[in-house]
Each structure stands twice: as C-alpha cells, then as structure tokens.
Amino acid sequence: APVIDVSQFGYFKVLGKGVLPENQPVVVKAKLISKIAEKKIKEAGGAVLLTA
C-alpha cells in the first residue's frame, strides 16, 4: 500500500471530508487525524500512523 506522509506537503491534520480511491488501501502518516478520516481510511483497508 502506498504511504502518504502529509507533513511533506505542509499539512498536519487529515480531515474526513474527501474521498479515497476504491480498491487501493493507503497508509496515511500525519500528526493529527480526525475520527471520521481514521474511520474512512480503515474501512478502505488502509492504516493510520501518527507522527510526533
């Protein structure tokens, strides 16, 4: 699964507003992740990694 480190793009928090690609689990690395975003990522088969 591709790893997306949002801090590399200048972001620190992931919100659950967007849409994830179907049949493509992703691993998201961020300092903060909303509950809705975490739920969507995990439902799509992905994972969430919190960074310091």
PDB file of N, CA and C in Angstrom:
ATOM      1  N   ALA A   1       0.841  -1.186   0.000  1.00  0.00           N
ATOM      2  CA  ALA A   1       0.000   0.000   0.000  1.00  0.00           C
ATOM      3  C   ALA A   1       0.883   1.245   0.000  1.00  0.00           C
ATOM      4  N   PRO A   2       0.529   2.254  -0.785  1.00  0.00           N
ATOM      5  CA  PRO A   2       1.317   3.485  -0.800  1.00  0.00           C
ATOM      6  C   PRO A   2       1.226   4.221   0.534  1.00  0.00           C
ATOM      7  N   VAL A   3       2.342   4.847   0.915  1.00  0.00           N
ATOM      8  CA  VAL A   3       2.399   5.613   2.157  1.00  0.00           C
ATOM      9  C   VAL A   3       2.328   7.093   1.801  1.00  0.00           C
ATOM     10  N   ILE A   4       1.393   7.800   2.421  1.00  0.00           N
ATOM     11  CA  ILE A   4       1.231   9.238   2.192  1.00  0.00           C
ATOM     12  C   ILE A   4       1.589   9.954   3.484  1.00  0.00           C
ATOM     13  N   ASP A   5       2.687  10.711   3.454  1.00  0.00           N
ATOM     14  CA  ASP A   5       3.115  11.497   4.610  1.00  0.00           C
ATOM     15  C   ASP A   5       2.684  12.939   4.353  1.00  0.00           C
ATOM     16  N   VAL A   6       1.574  13.346   4.960  1.00  0.00           N
ATOM     17  CA  VAL A   6       1.007  14.666   4.655  1.00  0.00           C
ATOM     18  C   VAL A   6       1.890  15.818   5.113  1.00  0.00           C
ATOM     19  N   SER A   7       2.768  15.584   6.088  1.00  0.00           N
ATOM     20  CA  SER A   7       3.642  16.662   6.568  1.00  0.00           C
ATOM     21  C   SER A   7       4.647  17.076   5.493  1.00  0.00           C
ATOM     22  N   GLN A   8       4.953  16.198   4.548  1.00  0.00           N
ATOM     23  CA  GLN A   8       5.850  16.553   3.445  1.00  0.00           C
ATOM     24  C   GLN A   8       5.221  17.605   2.532  1.00  0.00           C
ATOM     25  N   PHE A   9       3.903  17.688   2.565  1.00  0.00           N
ATOM     26  CA  PHE A   9       3.187  18.642   1.724  1.00  0.00           C
ATOM     27  C   PHE A   9       2.739  19.879   2.501  1.00  0.00           C
ATOM     28  N   GLY A  10       3.211  20.001   3.754  1.00  0.00           N
ATOM     29  CA  GLY A  10       2.898  21.175   4.552  1.00  0.00           C
ATOM     30  C   GLY A  10       1.615  21.076   5.354  1.00  0.00           C
ATOM     31  N   TYR A  11       1.031  19.880   5.454  1.00  0.00           N
ATOM     32  CA  TYR A  11      -0.196  19.695   6.219  1.00  0.00           C
ATOM     33  C   TYR A  11       0.104  18.926   7.493  1.00  0.00           C
ATOM     34  N   PHE A  12      -0.719  19.141   8.513  1.00  0.00           N
ATOM     35  CA  PHE A  12      -0.504  18.469   9.780  1.00  0.00           C
ATOM     36  C   PHE A  12      -1.707  17.654  10.228  1.00  0.00           C
ATOM     37  N   LYS A  13      -2.909  17.986   9.728  1.00  0.00           N
ATOM     38  CA  LYS A  13      -4.117  17.275  10.148  1.00  0.00           C
ATOM     39  C   LYS A  13      -4.868  16.766   8.929  1.00  0.00           C
ATOM     40  N   VAL A  14      -5.340  15.523   9.033  1.00  0.00           N
ATOM     41  CA  VAL A  14      -6.137  14.919   7.968  1.00  0.00           C
ATOM     42  C   VAL A  14      -7.589  14.929   8.424  1.00  0.00           C
ATOM     43  N   LEU A  15      -8.462  15.475   7.578  1.00  0.00           N
ATOM     44  CA  LEU A  15      -9.888  15.526   7.875  1.00  0.00           C
ATOM     45  C   LEU A  15     -10.625  14.509   7.007  1.00  0.00           C
ATOM     46  N   GLY A  16     -11.819  14.144   7.396  1.00  0.00           N
ATOM     47  CA  GLY A  16     -12.579  13.115   6.692  1.00  0.00           C
ATOM     48  C   GLY A  16     -13.491  13.628   5.606  1.00  0.00           C
ATOM     49  N   LYS A  17     -13.160  14.764   5.011  1.00  0.00           N
ATOM     50  CA  LYS A  17     -14.037  15.402   4.045  1.00  0.00           C
ATOM     51  C   LYS A  17     -13.935  14.791   2.642  1.00  0.00           C
ATOM     52  N   GLY A  18     -12.787  14.256   2.292  1.00  0.00           N
ATOM     53  CA  GLY A  18     -12.545  13.788   0.932  1.00  0.00           C
ATOM     54  C   GLY A  18     -12.966  12.353   0.676  1.00  0.00           C
ATOM     55  N   VAL A  19     -12.587  11.869  -0.507  1.00  0.00           N
ATOM     56  CA  VAL A  19     -12.922  10.525  -0.956  1.00  0.00           C
ATOM     57  C   VAL A  19     -11.622   9.773  -1.232  1.00  0.00           C
ATOM     58  N   LEU A  20     -11.577   8.512  -0.808  1.00  0.00           N
ATOM     59  CA  LEU A  20     -10.405   7.679  -1.055  1.00  0.00           C
ATOM     60  C   LEU A  20     -10.601   6.864  -2.326  1.00  0.00           C
ATOM     61  N   PRO A  21      -9.497   6.509  -3.005  1.00  0.00           N
ATOM     62  CA  PRO A  21      -9.637   5.658  -4.190  1.00  0.00           C
ATOM     63  C   PRO A  21     -10.154   4.275  -3.813  1.00  0.00           C
ATOM     64  N   GLU A  22     -11.017   3.717  -4.647  1.00  0.00           N
ATOM     65  CA  GLU A  22     -11.578   2.393  -4.368  1.00  0.00           C
ATOM     66  C   GLU A  22     -10.545   1.312  -4.665  1.00  0.00           C
ATOM     67  N   ASN A  23     -10.590   0.233  -3.898  1.00  0.00           N
ATOM     68  CA  ASN A  23      -9.718  -0.927  -4.078  1.00  0.00           C
ATOM     69  C   ASN A  23      -8.237  -0.580  -4.000  1.00  0.00           C
ATOM     70  N   GLN A  24      -7.897   0.503  -3.311  1.00  0.00           N
ATOM     71  CA  GLN A  24      -6.495   0.873  -3.143  1.00  0.00           C
ATOM     72  C   GLN A  24      -6.278   1.336  -1.714  1.00  0.00           C
ATOM     73  N   PRO A  25      -5.915   0.410  -0.812  1.00  0.00           N
ATOM     74  CA  PRO A  25      -5.656   0.826   0.567  1.00  0.00           C
ATOM     75  C   PRO A  25      -4.422   1.719   0.638  1.00  0.00           C
ATOM     76  N   VAL A  26      -4.445   2.695   1.522  1.00  0.00           N
ATOM     77  CA  VAL A  26      -3.319   3.608   1.689  1.00  0.00           C
ATOM     78  C   VAL A  26      -2.933   3.675   3.160  1.00  0.00           C
ATOM     79  N   VAL A  27      -1.677   4.018   3.391  1.00  0.00           N
ATOM     80  CA  VAL A  27      -1.179   4.258   4.739  1.00  0.00           C
ATOM     81  C   VAL A  27      -0.946   5.758   4.841  1.00  0.00           C
ATOM     82  N   VAL A  28      -1.592   6.398   5.804  1.00  0.00           N
ATOM     83  CA  VAL A  28      -1.502   7.848   5.960  1.00  0.00           C
ATOM     84  C   VAL A  28      -0.714   8.170   7.220  1.00  0.00           C
ATOM     85  N   LYS A  29       0.325   9.008   7.065  1.00  0.00           N
ATOM     86  CA  LYS A  29       1.124   9.459   8.201  1.00  0.00           C
ATOM     87  C   LYS A  29       0.832  10.939   8.435  1.00  0.00           C
ATOM     88  N   ALA A  30       0.430  11.285   9.670  1.00  0.00           N
ATOM     89  CA  ALA A  30       0.119  12.671   9.992  1.00  0.00           C
ATOM     90  C   ALA A  30       0.229  12.882  11.489  1.00  0.00           C
ATOM     91  N   LYS A  31       0.355  14.157  11.886  1.00  0.00           N
ATOM     92  CA  LYS A  31       0.397  14.481  13.315  1.00  0.00           C
ATOM     93  C   LYS A  31      -0.977  14.342  13.943  1.00  0.00           C
ATOM     94  N   LEU A  32      -2.014  14.765  13.221  1.00  0.00           N
ATOM     95  CA  LEU A  32      -3.387  14.719  13.726  1.00  0.00           C
ATOM     96  C   LEU A  32      -4.301  14.140  12.654  1.00  0.00           C
ATOM     97  N   ILE A  33      -5.227  13.296  13.077  1.00  0.00           N
ATOM     98  CA  ILE A  33      -6.196  12.714  12.150  1.00  0.00           C
ATOM     99  C   ILE A  33      -7.560  12.725  12.823  1.00  0.00           C
ATOM    100  N   SER A  34      -8.564  13.242  12.118  1.00  0.00           N
ATOM    101  CA  SER A  34      -9.910  13.279  12.698  1.00  0.00           C
ATOM    102  C   SER A  34     -10.475  11.864  12.783  1.00  0.00           C
ATOM    103  N   LYS A  35     -11.468  11.689  13.643  1.00  0.00           N
ATOM    104  CA  LYS A  35     -12.085  10.370  13.824  1.00  0.00           C
ATOM    105  C   LYS A  35     -12.740   9.890  12.533  1.00  0.00           C
ATOM    106  N   ILE A  36     -13.369  10.809  11.818  1.00  0.00           N
ATOM    107  CA  ILE A  36     -14.043  10.447  10.568  1.00  0.00           C
ATOM    108  C   ILE A  36     -13.020  10.005   9.522  1.00  0.00           C
ATOM    109  N   ALA A  37     -11.898  10.732   9.433  1.00  0.00           N
ATOM    110  CA  ALA A  37     -10.853  10.365   8.475  1.00  0.00           C
ATOM    111  C   ALA A  37     -10.280   8.999   8.810  1.00  0.00           C
ATOM    112  N   GLU A  38     -10.028   8.754  10.084  1.00  0.00           N
ATOM    113  CA  GLU A  38      -9.481   7.463  10.503  1.00  0.00           C
ATOM    114  C   GLU A  38     -10.444   6.331  10.146  1.00  0.00           C
ATOM    115  N   LYS A  39     -11.723   6.559  10.359  1.00  0.00           N
ATOM    116  CA  LYS A  39     -12.739   5.550  10.051  1.00  0.00           C
ATOM    117  C   LYS A  39     -12.758   5.249   8.553  1.00  0.00           C
ATOM    118  N   LYS A  40     -12.732   6.289   7.716  1.00  0.00           N
ATOM    119  CA  LYS A  40     -12.764   6.103   6.266  1.00  0.00           C
ATOM    120  C   LYS A  40     -11.526   5.359   5.771  1.00  0.00           C
ATOM    121  N   ILE A  41     -10.362   5.721   6.295  1.00  0.00           N
ATOM    122  CA  ILE A  41      -9.111   5.086   5.868  1.00  0.00           C
ATOM    123  C   ILE A  41      -9.116   3.606   6.237  1.00  0.00           C
ATOM    124  N   LYS A  42      -9.537   3.300   7.461  1.00  0.00           N
ATOM    125  CA  LYS A  42      -9.552   1.905   7.911  1.00  0.00           C
ATOM    126  C   LYS A  42     -10.619   1.088   7.190  1.00  0.00           C
ATOM    127  N   GLU A  43     -11.761   1.685   6.880  1.00  0.00           N
ATOM    128  CA  GLU A  43     -12.807   0.978   6.134  1.00  0.00           C
ATOM    129  C   GLU A  43     -12.346   0.634   4.719  1.00  0.00           C
ATOM    130  N   ALA A  44     -11.446   1.453   4.166  1.00  0.00           N
ATOM    131  CA  ALA A  44     -10.919   1.202   2.824  1.00  0.00           C
ATOM    132  C   ALA A  44      -9.771   0.195   2.854  1.00  0.00           C
ATOM    133  N   GLY A  45      -9.430  -0.305   4.043  1.00  0.00           N
ATOM    134  CA  GLY A  45      -8.361  -1.294   4.156  1.00  0.00           C
ATOM    135  C   GLY A  45      -7.001  -0.693   4.429  1.00  0.00           C
ATOM    136  N   GLY A  46      -6.953   0.599   4.677  1.00  0.00           N
ATOM    137  CA  GLY A  46      -5.688   1.276   4.923  1.00  0.00           C
ATOM    138  C   GLY A  46      -5.336   1.329   6.394  1.00  0.00           C
ATOM    139  N   ALA A  47      -4.305   2.118   6.696  1.00  0.00           N
ATOM    140  CA  ALA A  47      -3.838   2.254   8.069  1.00  0.00           C
ATOM    141  C   ALA A  47      -3.469   3.703   8.339  1.00  0.00           C
ATOM    142  N   VAL A  48      -3.449   4.035   9.631  1.00  0.00           N
ATOM    143  CA  VAL A  48      -3.123   5.387  10.071  1.00  0.00           C
ATOM    144  C   VAL A  48      -1.899   5.317  10.976  1.00  0.00           C
ATOM    145  N   LEU A  49      -0.906   6.167  10.709  1.00  0.00           N
ATOM    146  CA  LEU A  49       0.276   6.266  11.557  1.00  0.00           C
ATOM    147  C   LEU A  49       0.385   7.695  12.068  1.00  0.00           C
ATOM    148  N   LEU A  50       0.392   7.855  13.377  1.00  0.00           N
ATOM    149  CA  LEU A  50       0.559   9.180  13.963  1.00  0.00           C
ATOM    150  C   LEU A  50       2.042   9.469  14.126  1.00  0.00           C
ATOM    151  N   THR A  51       2.456  10.682  13.735  1.00  0.00           N
ATOM    152  CA  THR A  51       3.851  11.087  13.854  1.00  0.00           C
ATOM    153  C   THR A  51       3.992  12.102  14.970  1.00  0.00           C
ATOM    154  N   ALA A  52       5.220  12.277  15.436  1.00  0.00           N
ATOM    155  CA  ALA A  52       5.475  13.220  16.536  1.00  0.00           C
ATOM    156  C   ALA A  52       5.605  14.633  16.024  1.00  0.00           C
TER     157      ALA A  52
END
